[in-house]
Protein backbone atom coordinates (compact mmCIF):
# COMPACT_ATOMS: atom_id res chain seq x y z
CA MET A 1 8.67 15.69 1.79
CA ILE A 2 6.53 13.01 3.50
CA THR A 3 5.03 12.05 0.34
CA ASP A 4 8.59 11.21 -1.23
CA LYS A 5 9.20 9.27 1.85
CA ILE A 6 6.25 7.22 1.12
CA LYS A 7 6.70 6.91 -2.60
CA ASP A 8 10.35 5.97 -2.06
CA ARG A 9 9.34 3.23 0.68
CA GLY A 10 6.69 1.84 -1.70
CA GLU A 11 9.45 1.77 -4.69
CA GLU A 12 11.80 -0.49 -2.11
CA MET A 13 8.70 -2.45 -1.22
CA SER A 14 7.50 -3.13 -4.57
CA VAL A 15 10.45 -5.33 -5.64
CA LEU A 16 9.20 -7.81 -3.36
CA GLU A 17 6.21 -10.14 -4.62
CA GLY A 18 3.37 -11.64 -2.89
CA MET A 19 4.55 -13.69 0.20
CA ASP A 20 7.83 -12.06 -0.25
CA ARG A 21 6.03 -8.70 0.63
CA LEU A 22 3.75 -10.09 3.48
CA GLN A 23 6.90 -12.01 5.15
CA TYR A 24 8.77 -8.54 5.08
CA ILE A 25 5.94 -7.16 6.55
CA ILE A 26 5.75 -9.77 9.17
CA ASP A 27 9.61 -9.25 9.56
CA GLU A 28 9.23 -5.77 10.64
CA ALA A 29 7.29 -6.88 13.45
CA SER A 30 9.80 -8.38 15.12
CA LYS A 31 11.76 -4.66 15.13
CA VAL A 32 8.85 -3.34 17.57
CA GLU A 33 9.39 -2.69 21.34
CA PRO A 34 6.55 -3.53 23.14
CA LEU A 35 4.04 -0.55 24.19
CA LEU A 36 4.02 0.16 27.53
CA ASP A 37 0.60 -1.17 29.43
CA GLN A 38 -0.42 2.38 30.06
CA HIS A 39 -0.55 3.04 26.47
CA LYS A 40 -2.92 -0.12 25.84
CA THR A 41 -5.92 1.94 26.25
CA ASP A 42 -9.36 2.55 24.56
CA GLU A 43 -8.35 5.67 23.37
CA ASN A 44 -5.56 4.41 21.74
CA LYS A 45 -7.10 1.14 20.37
CA ILE A 46 -7.54 1.30 16.54
CA ARG A 47 -11.34 0.43 15.59
CA GLY A 48 -12.09 -1.50 12.74
CA CYS A 49 -8.71 -3.84 13.22
CA ILE A 50 -9.22 -7.47 12.99
CA SER A 51 -6.48 -7.84 15.83
CA ASN A 52 -5.78 -5.90 18.78
CA LEU A 53 -3.79 -2.66 17.70
CA TRP A 54 -2.62 0.36 19.90
CA VAL A 55 -0.98 3.31 18.62
CA ALA A 56 -0.26 6.54 20.84
CA GLY A 57 2.21 9.32 19.94
CA GLU A 58 3.28 12.96 20.82
CA VAL A 59 4.51 16.01 19.49
CA MET A 60 8.14 16.59 20.42
CA GLU A 61 9.44 20.49 21.49
CA ASP A 62 10.68 20.98 18.02
CA GLY A 63 7.20 20.08 16.39
CA THR A 64 8.08 17.08 14.86
CA MET A 65 5.92 13.73 15.74
CA ARG A 66 6.91 10.26 17.68
CA TYR A 67 4.58 7.54 17.32
CA TYR A 68 4.42 4.25 19.60
CA HIS A 69 2.73 1.10 18.87
CA ASP A 70 1.47 -2.82 19.43
CA ALA A 71 -0.54 -5.46 18.14
CA ASP A 72 -1.21 -8.87 18.87
CA SER A 73 -0.85 -10.07 15.45
CA HIS A 74 2.68 -9.66 13.39
CA MET A 75 0.68 -8.63 10.50
CA THR A 76 -0.58 -5.65 11.89
CA LYS A 77 2.38 -4.83 13.44
CA GLY A 78 4.48 -4.95 10.80
CA THR A 79 1.95 -2.78 8.74
CA ALA A 80 1.73 -0.57 11.88
CA LYS A 81 5.63 0.15 11.75
CA VAL A 82 6.20 0.85 8.09
CA ILE A 83 3.35 3.41 8.15
CA LEU A 84 4.60 4.68 11.75
CA ASP A 85 8.60 4.47 10.27
CA ILE A 86 7.46 7.03 7.79
CA VAL A 87 5.60 9.56 10.08
CA ASN A 88 8.33 9.73 12.76
CA GLY A 89 10.53 12.17 13.03
CA GLU A 90 8.36 14.64 10.46
CA HIS A 91 6.55 17.98 11.16
CA LYS A 92 3.10 17.75 12.83
CA SER A 93 1.70 20.22 9.94
CA GLU A 94 3.51 17.74 7.64
CA VAL A 95 1.65 14.33 8.95
CA ALA A 96 -1.73 16.42 9.63
CA ASN A 97 -2.17 17.17 5.97
CA LEU A 98 -1.93 13.49 4.99
CA THR A 99 -4.87 11.27 3.88
CA LEU A 100 -5.37 7.72 3.44
CA GLU A 101 -4.54 8.05 -0.07
CA SER A 102 -1.16 9.41 0.59
CA PHE A 103 -0.74 6.17 1.69
CA MET A 104 -1.41 4.33 -1.45
CA PRO A 105 1.94 4.46 -3.25
CA LEU A 106 3.36 1.78 -0.40
CA GLY A 107 1.44 -1.16 -1.96
CA ILE A 108 0.15 -2.18 1.37
CA ARG A 109 -3.49 -1.88 1.24
CA GLU A 110 -3.97 -4.20 -1.87
CA LEU A 111 -2.37 -7.15 0.26
CA LEU A 112 -5.15 -6.98 3.01
CA THR A 113 -8.22 -8.17 3.60
CA MET A 114 -11.28 -6.23 3.14
CA GLN A 115 -11.65 -6.29 7.29
CA ARG A 116 -7.73 -5.55 7.58
CA GLN A 117 -8.19 -2.44 5.09
CA VAL A 118 -10.72 -1.14 7.49
CA GLY A 119 -8.11 -1.11 10.35
CA PHE A 120 -5.60 0.21 7.73
CA ALA A 121 -7.84 3.31 7.59
CA SER A 122 -8.54 3.54 10.99
CA LEU A 123 -4.66 3.48 11.57
CA ILE A 124 -3.97 6.57 9.20
CA GLU A 125 -6.84 8.47 10.42
CA ARG A 126 -5.57 7.73 13.99
CA VAL A 127 -2.14 8.79 13.28
CA ILE A 128 -3.51 12.17 11.50
CA ARG A 129 -6.00 12.90 14.47
CA ILE A 130 -2.77 12.61 17.17
CA ALA A 131 -0.83 15.27 14.74
CA ASN A 132 -4.02 17.47 14.75
CA ALA A 133 -4.31 17.31 18.56
């Protein structure tokens, strides 16, 4: 179940404290493939984010989700990667039923400034909206 994946990832990250957890998120950013320019549209841009973040996605033939993203900040790109790694490959009905609160066990939101928390919430909303499309 997807909520179990979220809890498991949160437990994995919980051993990292403070700057180590931030460094982990930044390191995750280096693993992201660049998003094609054709996907860097206003529709795919996450509102409320300090830096530019674009998230595109699609429902695969088997009903699972596939998301793509890019950002101009390593912190933003890494945070999005952690979230999207969890939902990629999951069935659209499971992703569609998630809420912002579903992601609290990750422990990421607490590391973010208020402005970045707004972007985090907008990212989650976008992920869910794509699954509901």
